[in-house]
Amino acid sequence: MLKRWWIYQQERFPLFSNGILILVFSTSAVSYSALLREQFPTFESLTVAAVSTFLFFLLLRITDEFKDFDDDRIYRPYRPVPRGLVSLKELGLLGVFSLFAQLGLALYMSRSLAILLSVVWFYFVLMSQDFFLYKRLKAHPVAYLLTHNVIVPLIALYATACDWLLMNSAIPPAVIWFLMTTATNGLILEIGRKIRGPNDEEVGVDSYSALWGRDNAVLVWVTVICCSAVATFWTAKQIDFVRPMNLILLVLGVGASVVAYSFFNHPTRKSAKWINLMSGLWVLFTYLGLGVIPLLLRYEIHLPFTG
């Protein structure tokens, strides 16, 4: 039993790599909100945000397994669900458990947080049904990408609310910059993981390199990275962390440029994996610079005065 689920997570939802990224993301969201309020987040806020955010992304994976099941049976029978490693029923039960866990955590913290959770759930349900416009959205991939990406800043909003809402505070206006950064970062991850070399394209499997052409897909990826850099700069400006963030962005920008150039010249499986890896690194280090690092530095600055 446990062996089956261990194999499943390795193939479809790696707990270690996903867990680190989600933990940094949720911690950054709570910390950013606290920094805007010039306060420090509580352990409860950090914990609830981390667990709830992890469950959100797990639910997204489970929903995709249901949505892709028919295509997977035909084009990707090697995946865990069509080959019978785990069943949709088992995944459904895991999804229901995740929903109850999220609701329980929200109610434990605040009834207002549970109301916000229901808003995110509402959009999640619409998205899982492709807004009842599946054929139209599939015919317009950019619209499909953008409408489905909205769930990511909504999750970020919920994570920040684990701080400001529980402190009986109004939402800090500057949170909008964090949400904009999150929106662009979500696109970076989504596009980056669906850029492939010519020998790795699969029939019936959507990829942006097949849809737009390899060069155009990388150009879009680089463009979104530039947008993320601008949003990240203004997000960092709200917490007076511009200079360190500029250094982080410079290093990341050089890395992204090298990876994009490499794929342009040698569109192989290895260079495509580097794009996917660079996408994760971009997201990881921008969030470290928007919440975790500045909070730690500010804590050390105030430490001598804590008595």
C-alpha atoms as a PDB file:
ATOM      1  CA  MET A   1       0.000   0.000   0.000  1.00  0.00           C
ATOM      2  CA  LEU A   2       2.597   2.540   1.096  1.00  0.00           C
ATOM      3  CA  LYS A   3       4.947   1.407  -1.671  1.00  0.00           C
ATOM      4  CA  ARG A   4       2.302   2.210  -4.301  1.00  0.00           C
ATOM      5  CA  TRP A   5       1.810   5.729  -2.967  1.00  0.00           C
ATOM      6  CA  TRP A   6       5.543   6.251  -2.662  1.00  0.00           C
ATOM      7  CA  ILE A   7       5.945   5.411  -6.358  1.00  0.00           C
ATOM      8  CA  TYR A   8       3.004   7.643  -7.234  1.00  0.00           C
ATOM      9  CA  GLN A   9       4.445  10.678  -5.458  1.00  0.00           C
ATOM     10  CA  GLN A  10       7.820  10.109  -7.093  1.00  0.00           C
ATOM     11  CA  GLU A  11       6.265  10.166 -10.545  1.00  0.00           C
ATOM     12  CA  ARG A  12       3.439  12.684 -10.196  1.00  0.00           C
ATOM     13  CA  PHE A  13       3.894  14.831  -7.077  1.00  0.00           C
ATOM     14  CA  PRO A  14       7.433  14.630  -5.669  1.00  0.00           C
ATOM     15  CA  LEU A  15       7.047  15.420  -1.991  1.00  0.00           C
ATOM     16  CA  PHE A  16      10.593  16.646  -1.449  1.00  0.00           C
ATOM     17  CA  SER A  17      10.992  19.074  -4.347  1.00  0.00           C
ATOM     18  CA  ASN A  18       7.355  20.193  -4.325  1.00  0.00           C
ATOM     19  CA  GLY A  19       7.345  20.396  -0.556  1.00  0.00           C
ATOM     20  CA  ILE A  20      10.355  22.708  -0.404  1.00  0.00           C
ATOM     21  CA  LEU A  21       8.953  25.025  -3.062  1.00  0.00           C
ATOM     22  CA  ILE A  22       5.508  25.120  -1.470  1.00  0.00           C
ATOM     23  CA  LEU A  23       6.962  25.694   2.004  1.00  0.00           C
ATOM     24  CA  VAL A  24       9.060  28.622   0.782  1.00  0.00           C
ATOM     25  CA  PHE A  25       6.085  30.013  -1.150  1.00  0.00           C
ATOM     26  CA  SER A  26       3.674  29.865   1.791  1.00  0.00           C
ATOM     27  CA  THR A  27       6.257  31.138   4.277  1.00  0.00           C
ATOM     28  CA  SER A  28       7.083  34.010   1.956  1.00  0.00           C
ATOM     29  CA  ALA A  29       3.404  34.930   1.604  1.00  0.00           C
ATOM     30  CA  VAL A  30       2.834  35.027   5.373  1.00  0.00           C
ATOM     31  CA  SER A  31       6.163  36.764   6.026  1.00  0.00           C
ATOM     32  CA  TYR A  32       5.556  39.384   3.339  1.00  0.00           C
ATOM     33  CA  SER A  33       2.207  40.270   4.870  1.00  0.00           C
ATOM     34  CA  ALA A  34       3.785  40.474   8.319  1.00  0.00           C
ATOM     35  CA  LEU A  35       6.613  42.663   7.029  1.00  0.00           C
ATOM     36  CA  LEU A  36       4.076  45.056   5.518  1.00  0.00           C
ATOM     37  CA  ARG A  37       2.437  45.299   8.939  1.00  0.00           C
ATOM     38  CA  GLU A  38       5.883  45.655  10.542  1.00  0.00           C
ATOM     39  CA  GLN A  39       5.141  42.647  12.697  1.00  0.00           C
ATOM     40  CA  PHE A  40       6.341  39.052  12.903  1.00  0.00           C
ATOM     41  CA  PRO A  41       4.122  36.164  11.848  1.00  0.00           C
ATOM     42  CA  THR A  42       2.890  33.653  14.373  1.00  0.00           C
ATOM     43  CA  PHE A  43       3.861  30.005  14.256  1.00  0.00           C
ATOM     44  CA  GLU A  44       0.186  29.089  13.791  1.00  0.00           C
ATOM     45  CA  SER A  45      -0.114  31.365  10.753  1.00  0.00           C
ATOM     46  CA  LEU A  46       2.986  29.862   9.143  1.00  0.00           C
ATOM     47  CA  THR A  47       1.831  26.308   9.842  1.00  0.00           C
ATOM     48  CA  VAL A  48      -1.736  26.709   8.626  1.00  0.00           C
ATOM     49  CA  ALA A  49      -0.567  28.510   5.490  1.00  0.00           C
ATOM     50  CA  ALA A  50       2.017  25.812   4.721  1.00  0.00           C
ATOM     51  CA  VAL A  51      -0.332  22.859   5.203  1.00  0.00           C
ATOM     52  CA  SER A  52      -3.253  24.501   3.409  1.00  0.00           C
ATOM     53  CA  THR A  53      -1.073  25.565   0.473  1.00  0.00           C
ATOM     54  CA  PHE A  54       0.390  22.077   0.151  1.00  0.00           C
ATOM     55  CA  LEU A  55      -3.116  20.631   0.078  1.00  0.00           C
ATOM     56  CA  PHE A  56      -4.192  23.157  -2.577  1.00  0.00           C
ATOM     57  CA  PHE A  57      -1.463  21.995  -4.920  1.00  0.00           C
ATOM     58  CA  LEU A  58      -2.157  18.356  -4.103  1.00  0.00           C
ATOM     59  CA  LEU A  59      -5.795  18.952  -5.039  1.00  0.00           C
ATOM     60  CA  LEU A  60      -4.682  20.481  -8.325  1.00  0.00           C
ATOM     61  CA  ARG A  61      -2.694  17.332  -9.089  1.00  0.00           C
ATOM     62  CA  ILE A  62      -5.612  15.070  -8.170  1.00  0.00           C
ATOM     63  CA  THR A  63      -8.017  17.118 -10.314  1.00  0.00           C
ATOM     64  CA  ASP A  64      -5.666  16.838 -13.284  1.00  0.00           C
ATOM     65  CA  GLU A  65      -5.596  13.059 -12.874  1.00  0.00           C
ATOM     66  CA  PHE A  66      -9.383  12.992 -13.290  1.00  0.00           C
ATOM     67  CA  LYS A  67      -9.394  15.454 -16.191  1.00  0.00           C
ATOM     68  CA  ASP A  68      -6.595  13.693 -18.080  1.00  0.00           C
ATOM     69  CA  PHE A  69      -7.688  10.115 -17.436  1.00  0.00           C
ATOM     70  CA  ASP A  70      -9.243   9.453 -20.865  1.00  0.00           C
ATOM     71  CA  ASP A  71      -6.286  10.944 -22.733  1.00  0.00           C
ATOM     72  CA  ASP A  72      -3.834   9.160 -20.451  1.00  0.00           C
ATOM     73  CA  ARG A  73      -5.398   5.785 -21.211  1.00  0.00           C
ATOM     74  CA  ILE A  74      -4.829   6.384 -24.918  1.00  0.00           C
ATOM     75  CA  TYR A  75      -1.605   8.372 -25.098  1.00  0.00           C
ATOM     76  CA  ARG A  76       0.131   7.908 -21.731  1.00  0.00           C
ATOM     77  CA  PRO A  77      -0.711   4.421 -20.433  1.00  0.00           C
ATOM     78  CA  TYR A  78       2.610   4.401 -18.566  1.00  0.00           C
ATOM     79  CA  ARG A  79       1.320   6.906 -15.997  1.00  0.00           C
ATOM     80  CA  PRO A  80       0.366   5.599 -12.526  1.00  0.00           C
ATOM     81  CA  VAL A  81      -3.432   5.848 -12.835  1.00  0.00           C
ATOM     82  CA  PRO A  82      -3.964   4.231 -16.265  1.00  0.00           C
ATOM     83  CA  ARG A  83      -1.491   1.448 -15.468  1.00  0.00           C
ATOM     84  CA  GLY A  84      -3.379   0.691 -12.248  1.00  0.00           C
ATOM     85  CA  LEU A  85      -0.840   1.725  -9.627  1.00  0.00           C
ATOM     86  CA  VAL A  86      -3.476   3.885  -7.882  1.00  0.00           C
ATOM     87  CA  SER A  87      -7.138   4.354  -8.743  1.00  0.00           C
ATOM     88  CA  LEU A  88      -9.220   7.459  -9.289  1.00  0.00           C
ATOM     89  CA  LYS A  89     -11.371   6.339  -6.350  1.00  0.00           C
ATOM     90  CA  GLU A  90      -8.341   6.347  -4.056  1.00  0.00           C
ATOM     91  CA  LEU A  91      -7.277   9.753  -5.341  1.00  0.00           C
ATOM     92  CA  GLY A  92     -10.817  11.025  -4.855  1.00  0.00           C
ATOM     93  CA  LEU A  93     -10.807   9.909  -1.221  1.00  0.00           C
ATOM     94  CA  LEU A  94      -7.457  11.632  -0.740  1.00  0.00           C
ATOM     95  CA  GLY A  95      -8.948  14.770  -2.262  1.00  0.00           C
ATOM     96  CA  VAL A  96     -11.963  14.690   0.072  1.00  0.00           C
ATOM     97  CA  PHE A  97      -9.659  14.245   3.068  1.00  0.00           C
ATOM     98  CA  SER A  98      -7.615  17.239   1.879  1.00  0.00           C
ATOM     99  CA  LEU A  99     -10.726  19.408   1.628  1.00  0.00           C
ATOM    100  CA  PHE A 100     -11.854  18.521   5.162  1.00  0.00           C
ATOM    101  CA  ALA A 101      -8.336  19.153   6.472  1.00  0.00           C
ATOM    102  CA  GLN A 102      -8.268  22.597   4.873  1.00  0.00           C
ATOM    103  CA  LEU A 103     -11.699  23.449   6.246  1.00  0.00           C
ATOM    104  CA  GLY A 104     -10.772  22.230   9.714  1.00  0.00           C
ATOM    105  CA  LEU A 105      -7.622  24.348   9.781  1.00  0.00           C
ATOM    106  CA  ALA A 106      -9.491  27.406   8.533  1.00  0.00           C
ATOM    107  CA  LEU A 107     -12.260  27.080  11.118  1.00  0.00           C
ATOM    108  CA  TYR A 108      -9.687  26.515  13.841  1.00  0.00           C
ATOM    109  CA  MET A 109      -8.075  29.842  12.945  1.00  0.00           C
ATOM    110  CA  SER A 110     -11.013  32.043  11.970  1.00  0.00           C
ATOM    111  CA  ARG A 111     -14.485  31.885  10.469  1.00  0.00           C
ATOM    112  CA  SER A 112     -13.435  34.680   8.112  1.00  0.00           C
ATOM    113  CA  LEU A 113     -10.583  32.511   6.841  1.00  0.00           C
ATOM    114  CA  ALA A 114     -13.087  29.736   6.128  1.00  0.00           C
ATOM    115  CA  ILE A 115     -15.145  32.186   4.066  1.00  0.00           C
ATOM    116  CA  LEU A 116     -12.083  33.128   2.021  1.00  0.00           C
ATOM    117  CA  LEU A 117     -11.334  29.422   1.622  1.00  0.00           C
ATOM    118  CA  SER A 118     -14.784  28.929   0.113  1.00  0.00           C
ATOM    119  CA  VAL A 119     -14.028  31.660  -2.435  1.00  0.00           C
ATOM    120  CA  VAL A 120     -10.853  29.896  -3.510  1.00  0.00           C
ATOM    121  CA  TRP A 121     -12.731  26.596  -3.619  1.00  0.00           C
ATOM    122  CA  PHE A 122     -15.410  28.164  -5.819  1.00  0.00           C
ATOM    123  CA  TYR A 123     -12.861  29.243  -8.403  1.00  0.00           C
ATOM    124  CA  PHE A 124     -11.141  25.888  -8.067  1.00  0.00           C
ATOM    125  CA  VAL A 125     -14.380  24.065  -8.942  1.00  0.00           C
ATOM    126  CA  LEU A 126     -15.001  26.325 -11.947  1.00  0.00           C
ATOM    127  CA  MET A 127     -11.447  25.772 -13.138  1.00  0.00           C
ATOM    128  CA  SER A 128     -11.702  22.004 -12.707  1.00  0.00           C
ATOM    129  CA  GLN A 129     -14.715  22.104 -15.039  1.00  0.00           C
ATOM    130  CA  ASP A 130     -12.867  24.424 -17.450  1.00  0.00           C
ATOM    131  CA  PHE A 131     -15.525  27.049 -16.663  1.00  0.00           C
ATOM    132  CA  PHE A 132     -17.938  24.871 -18.675  1.00  0.00           C
ATOM    133  CA  LEU A 133     -16.218  26.172 -21.817  1.00  0.00           C
ATOM    134  CA  TYR A 134     -13.821  23.305 -22.505  1.00  0.00           C
ATOM    135  CA  LYS A 135     -13.982  23.339 -26.304  1.00  0.00           C
ATOM    136  CA  ARG A 136     -13.648  27.111 -26.546  1.00  0.00           C
ATOM    137  CA  LEU A 137     -10.764  27.239 -24.099  1.00  0.00           C
ATOM    138  CA  LYS A 138      -8.927  24.363 -25.765  1.00  0.00           C
ATOM    139  CA  ALA A 139      -9.245  26.228 -29.044  1.00  0.00           C
ATOM    140  CA  HIS A 140      -7.570  29.255 -27.417  1.00  0.00           C
ATOM    141  CA  PRO A 141      -4.582  27.923 -25.443  1.00  0.00           C
ATOM    142  CA  VAL A 142      -3.486  31.337 -24.167  1.00  0.00           C
ATOM    143  CA  ALA A 143      -6.929  31.966 -22.679  1.00  0.00           C
ATOM    144  CA  TYR A 144      -6.849  28.465 -21.179  1.00  0.00           C
ATOM    145  CA  LEU A 145      -3.434  29.139 -19.644  1.00  0.00           C
ATOM    146  CA  LEU A 146      -4.349  32.536 -18.196  1.00  0.00           C
ATOM    147  CA  THR A 147      -7.730  31.546 -16.759  1.00  0.00           C
ATOM    148  CA  HIS A 148      -6.303  28.461 -15.069  1.00  0.00           C
ATOM    149  CA  ASN A 149      -3.309  30.378 -13.740  1.00  0.00           C
ATOM    150  CA  VAL A 150      -5.597  32.654 -11.685  1.00  0.00           C
ATOM    151  CA  ILE A 151      -5.844  29.928  -9.049  1.00  0.00           C
ATOM    152  CA  VAL A 152      -2.181  30.477  -8.107  1.00  0.00           C
ATOM    153  CA  PRO A 153      -2.488  34.125  -6.941  1.00  0.00           C
ATOM    154  CA  LEU A 154      -5.748  33.144  -5.228  1.00  0.00           C
ATOM    155  CA  ILE A 155      -3.808  30.551  -3.231  1.00  0.00           C
ATOM    156  CA  ALA A 156      -1.215  33.237  -2.489  1.00  0.00           C
ATOM    157  CA  LEU A 157      -3.974  35.571  -1.279  1.00  0.00           C
ATOM    158  CA  TYR A 158      -5.232  32.859   1.053  1.00  0.00           C
ATOM    159  CA  ALA A 159      -1.720  32.276   2.390  1.00  0.00           C
ATOM    160  CA  THR A 160      -1.216  35.993   3.117  1.00  0.00           C
ATOM    161  CA  ALA A 161      -4.615  36.062   4.810  1.00  0.00           C
ATOM    162  CA  CYS A 162      -3.280  33.547   7.308  1.00  0.00           C
ATOM    163  CA  ASP A 163      -1.407  36.583   8.622  1.00  0.00           C
ATOM    164  CA  TRP A 164      -3.353  39.795   8.041  1.00  0.00           C
ATOM    165  CA  LEU A 165      -6.848  38.358   8.381  1.00  0.00           C
ATOM    166  CA  LEU A 166      -6.040  36.529  11.595  1.00  0.00           C
ATOM    167  CA  MET A 167      -4.543  39.691  13.045  1.00  0.00           C
ATOM    168  CA  ASN A 168      -7.917  41.429  12.492  1.00  0.00           C
ATOM    169  CA  SER A 169      -6.213  43.710  10.027  1.00  0.00           C
ATOM    170  CA  ALA A 170      -7.388  44.952   6.634  1.00  0.00           C
ATOM    171  CA  ILE A 171      -5.515  43.519   3.698  1.00  0.00           C
ATOM    172  CA  PRO A 172      -2.343  45.582   3.130  1.00  0.00           C
ATOM    173  CA  PRO A 173      -2.700  47.247  -0.308  1.00  0.00           C
ATOM    174  CA  ALA A 174       0.870  46.268  -1.241  1.00  0.00           C
ATOM    175  CA  VAL A 175      -0.146  42.592  -1.142  1.00  0.00           C
ATOM    176  CA  ILE A 176      -1.326  43.140  -4.727  1.00  0.00           C
ATOM    177  CA  TRP A 177       2.335  43.237  -5.811  1.00  0.00           C
ATOM    178  CA  PHE A 178       2.959  39.860  -4.221  1.00  0.00           C
ATOM    179  CA  LEU A 179      -0.053  38.474  -6.077  1.00  0.00           C
ATOM    180  CA  MET A 180       1.225  39.887  -9.373  1.00  0.00           C
ATOM    181  CA  THR A 181       4.606  38.272  -8.782  1.00  0.00           C
ATOM    182  CA  THR A 182       2.861  35.015  -7.994  1.00  0.00           C
ATOM    183  CA  ALA A 183       0.795  35.213 -11.186  1.00  0.00           C
ATOM    184  CA  THR A 184       3.927  35.590 -13.331  1.00  0.00           C
ATOM    185  CA  ASN A 185       5.798  32.923 -11.378  1.00  0.00           C
ATOM    186  CA  GLY A 186       2.940  30.521 -11.944  1.00  0.00           C
ATOM    187  CA  LEU A 187       3.236  31.104 -15.691  1.00  0.00           C
ATOM    188  CA  ILE A 188       6.990  30.557 -15.557  1.00  0.00           C
ATOM    189  CA  LEU A 189       6.524  27.146 -13.960  1.00  0.00           C
ATOM    190  CA  GLU A 190       3.677  26.119 -16.242  1.00  0.00           C
ATOM    191  CA  ILE A 191       5.377  27.143 -19.484  1.00  0.00           C
ATOM    192  CA  GLY A 192       8.810  25.933 -18.389  1.00  0.00           C
ATOM    193  CA  ARG A 193       7.617  22.396 -17.647  1.00  0.00           C
ATOM    194  CA  LYS A 194       5.971  22.092 -21.066  1.00  0.00           C
ATOM    195  CA  ILE A 195       8.911  23.019 -23.266  1.00  0.00           C
ATOM    196  CA  ARG A 196      10.433  19.927 -24.827  1.00  0.00           C
ATOM    197  CA  GLY A 197      13.075  18.897 -27.279  1.00  0.00           C
ATOM    198  CA  PRO A 198      11.932  17.684 -30.736  1.00  0.00           C
ATOM    199  CA  ASN A 199      12.575  14.036 -29.863  1.00  0.00           C
ATOM    200  CA  ASP A 200      10.502  14.227 -26.689  1.00  0.00           C
ATOM    201  CA  GLU A 201       7.220  15.509 -28.096  1.00  0.00           C
ATOM    202  CA  GLU A 202       4.422  12.962 -27.668  1.00  0.00           C
ATOM    203  CA  VAL A 203       1.290  12.484 -29.732  1.00  0.00           C
ATOM    204  CA  GLY A 204      -1.758  13.616 -27.780  1.00  0.00           C
ATOM    205  CA  VAL A 205       0.354  15.396 -25.168  1.00  0.00           C
ATOM    206  CA  ASP A 206       0.107  19.186 -25.144  1.00  0.00           C
ATOM    207  CA  SER A 207       3.310  21.193 -24.902  1.00  0.00           C
ATOM    208  CA  TYR A 208       3.994  24.833 -25.622  1.00  0.00           C
ATOM    209  CA  SER A 209       7.003  23.941 -27.738  1.00  0.00           C
ATOM    210  CA  ALA A 210       4.686  21.949 -30.022  1.00  0.00           C
ATOM    211  CA  LEU A 211       1.906  24.520 -29.891  1.00  0.00           C
ATOM    212  CA  TRP A 212       3.949  27.685 -30.495  1.00  0.00           C
ATOM    213  CA  GLY A 213       7.168  26.262 -31.869  1.00  0.00           C
ATOM    214  CA  ARG A 214      10.262  25.690 -29.750  1.00  0.00           C
ATOM    215  CA  ASP A 215      11.854  29.102 -30.291  1.00  0.00           C
ATOM    216  CA  ASN A 216       8.601  30.983 -29.723  1.00  0.00           C
ATOM    217  CA  ALA A 217       7.885  28.986 -26.560  1.00  0.00           C
ATOM    218  CA  VAL A 218      11.273  29.915 -25.114  1.00  0.00           C
ATOM    219  CA  LEU A 219      10.753  33.566 -26.104  1.00  0.00           C
ATOM    220  CA  VAL A 220       7.428  33.573 -24.253  1.00  0.00           C
ATOM    221  CA  TRP A 221       9.123  31.960 -21.249  1.00  0.00           C
ATOM    222  CA  VAL A 222      11.838  34.630 -21.242  1.00  0.00           C
ATOM    223  CA  THR A 223       9.220  37.378 -21.636  1.00  0.00           C
ATOM    224  CA  VAL A 224       7.277  36.108 -18.629  1.00  0.00           C
ATOM    225  CA  ILE A 225      10.519  35.970 -16.641  1.00  0.00           C
ATOM    226  CA  CYS A 226      11.098  39.635 -17.489  1.00  0.00           C
ATOM    227  CA  CYS A 227       7.571  40.446 -16.311  1.00  0.00           C
ATOM    228  CA  SER A 228       8.225  38.518 -13.118  1.00  0.00           C
ATOM    229  CA  ALA A 229      11.439  40.477 -12.566  1.00  0.00           C
ATOM    230  CA  VAL A 230       9.548  43.782 -12.815  1.00  0.00           C
ATOM    231  CA  ALA A 231       6.791  42.587 -10.488  1.00  0.00           C
ATOM    232  CA  THR A 232       9.342  41.173  -8.050  1.00  0.00           C
ATOM    233  CA  PHE A 233      11.248  44.473  -8.008  1.00  0.00           C
ATOM    234  CA  TRP A 234       8.129  46.435  -7.047  1.00  0.00           C
ATOM    235  CA  THR A 235       7.105  43.777  -4.539  1.00  0.00           C
ATOM    236  CA  ALA A 236      10.511  44.025  -2.857  1.00  0.00           C
ATOM    237  CA  LYS A 237      10.290  47.825  -2.901  1.00  0.00           C
ATOM    238  CA  GLN A 238       7.263  47.690  -0.602  1.00  0.00           C
ATOM    239  CA  ILE A 239       9.379  46.077   2.123  1.00  0.00           C
ATOM    240  CA  ASP A 240      12.586  48.072   1.451  1.00  0.00           C
ATOM    241  CA  PHE A 241      14.478  45.070   0.120  1.00  0.00           C
ATOM    242  CA  VAL A 242      15.347  46.347  -3.350  1.00  0.00           C
ATOM    243  CA  ARG A 243      19.150  46.095  -3.380  1.00  0.00           C
ATOM    244  CA  PRO A 244      19.414  42.473  -2.225  1.00  0.00           C
ATOM    245  CA  MET A 245      16.553  41.518  -4.544  1.00  0.00           C
ATOM    246  CA  ASN A 246      18.243  43.216  -7.492  1.00  0.00           C
ATOM    247  CA  LEU A 247      21.299  41.031  -6.872  1.00  0.00           C
ATOM    248  CA  ILE A 248      19.137  37.912  -6.732  1.00  0.00           C
ATOM    249  CA  LEU A 249      17.356  38.921  -9.942  1.00  0.00           C
ATOM    250  CA  LEU A 250      20.650  39.619 -11.692  1.00  0.00           C
ATOM    251  CA  VAL A 251      22.022  36.163 -10.907  1.00  0.00           C
ATOM    252  CA  LEU A 252      18.746  34.482 -11.840  1.00  0.00           C
ATOM    253  CA  GLY A 253      18.491  36.542 -15.031  1.00  0.00           C
ATOM    254  CA  VAL A 254      21.959  35.486 -16.151  1.00  0.00           C
ATOM    255  CA  GLY A 255      21.098  31.862 -15.426  1.00  0.00           C
ATOM    256  CA  ALA A 256      17.824  32.053 -17.346  1.00  0.00           C
ATOM    257  CA  SER A 257      19.564  33.697 -20.306  1.00  0.00           C
ATOM    258  CA  VAL A 258      22.216  30.967 -20.462  1.00  0.00           C
ATOM    259  CA  VAL A 259      19.589  28.227 -20.253  1.00  0.00           C
ATOM    260  CA  ALA A 260      17.418  29.839 -22.964  1.00  0.00           C
ATOM    261  CA  TYR A 261      20.440  30.331 -25.243  1.00  0.00           C
ATOM    262  CA  SER A 262      21.450  26.713 -24.738  1.00  0.00           C
ATOM    263  CA  PHE A 263      18.003  25.457 -25.725  1.00  0.00           C
ATOM    264  CA  PHE A 264      17.906  27.716 -28.780  1.00  0.00           C
ATOM    265  CA  ASN A 265      21.131  26.166 -30.043  1.00  0.00           C
ATOM    266  CA  HIS A 266      20.660  22.605 -28.783  1.00  0.00           C
ATOM    267  CA  PRO A 267      16.972  21.757 -28.213  1.00  0.00           C
ATOM    268  CA  THR A 268      17.610  18.462 -26.466  1.00  0.00           C
ATOM    269  CA  ARG A 269      15.975  16.672 -23.556  1.00  0.00           C
ATOM    270  CA  LYS A 270      18.816  17.841 -21.297  1.00  0.00           C
ATOM    271  CA  SER A 271      18.487  21.515 -22.242  1.00  0.00           C
ATOM    272  CA  ALA A 272      14.694  21.303 -21.847  1.00  0.00           C
ATOM    273  CA  LYS A 273      15.184  19.889 -18.343  1.00  0.00           C
ATOM    274  CA  TRP A 274      17.416  22.861 -17.563  1.00  0.00           C
ATOM    275  CA  ILE A 275      14.553  25.198 -18.507  1.00  0.00           C
ATOM    276  CA  ASN A 276      12.277  23.328 -16.117  1.00  0.00           C
ATOM    277  CA  LEU A 277      14.944  23.436 -13.401  1.00  0.00           C
ATOM    278  CA  MET A 278      15.624  27.137 -13.979  1.00  0.00           C
ATOM    279  CA  SER A 279      11.899  27.832 -13.676  1.00  0.00           C
ATOM    280  CA  GLY A 280      11.887  26.218 -10.244  1.00  0.00           C
ATOM    281  CA  LEU A 281      15.022  28.058  -9.159  1.00  0.00           C
ATOM    282  CA  TRP A 282      13.587  31.393 -10.296  1.00  0.00           C
ATOM    283  CA  VAL A 283      10.441  30.863  -8.257  1.00  0.00           C
ATOM    284  CA  LEU A 284      12.311  29.496  -5.239  1.00  0.00           C
ATOM    285  CA  PHE A 285      14.781  32.361  -4.929  1.00  0.00           C
ATOM    286  CA  THR A 286      12.342  35.163  -5.696  1.00  0.00           C
ATOM    287  CA  TYR A 287      10.141  33.968  -2.846  1.00  0.00           C
ATOM    288  CA  LEU A 288      13.118  33.569  -0.542  1.00  0.00           C
ATOM    289  CA  GLY A 289      13.936  37.217  -1.284  1.00  0.00           C
ATOM    290  CA  LEU A 290      10.384  38.454  -0.817  1.00  0.00           C
ATOM    291  CA  GLY A 291       9.670  37.025   2.599  1.00  0.00           C
ATOM    292  CA  VAL A 292      11.997  34.511   4.181  1.00  0.00           C
ATOM    293  CA  ILE A 293      15.341  36.321   3.902  1.00  0.00           C
ATOM    294  CA  PRO A 294      14.115  39.838   4.784  1.00  0.00           C
ATOM    295  CA  LEU A 295      12.175  38.470   7.743  1.00  0.00           C
ATOM    296  CA  LEU A 296      15.248  36.656   9.064  1.00  0.00           C
ATOM    297  CA  LEU A 297      17.408  39.743   8.604  1.00  0.00           C
ATOM    298  CA  ARG A 298      14.890  41.944  10.342  1.00  0.00           C
ATOM    299  CA  TYR A 299      14.598  39.437  13.179  1.00  0.00           C
ATOM    300  CA  GLU A 300      18.370  39.492  13.685  1.00  0.00           C
ATOM    301  CA  ILE A 301      18.327  43.283  13.688  1.00  0.00           C
ATOM    302  CA  HIS A 302      15.676  43.321  16.417  1.00  0.00           C
ATOM    303  CA  LEU A 303      17.063  40.410  18.391  1.00  0.00           C
ATOM    304  CA  PRO A 304      19.184  42.536  20.812  1.00  0.00           C
ATOM    305  CA  PHE A 305      16.062  44.463  21.807  1.00  0.00           C
ATOM    306  CA  THR A 306      13.931  41.411  22.567  1.00  0.00           C
ATOM    307  CA  GLY A 307      15.481  41.035  26.003  1.00  0.00           C
END
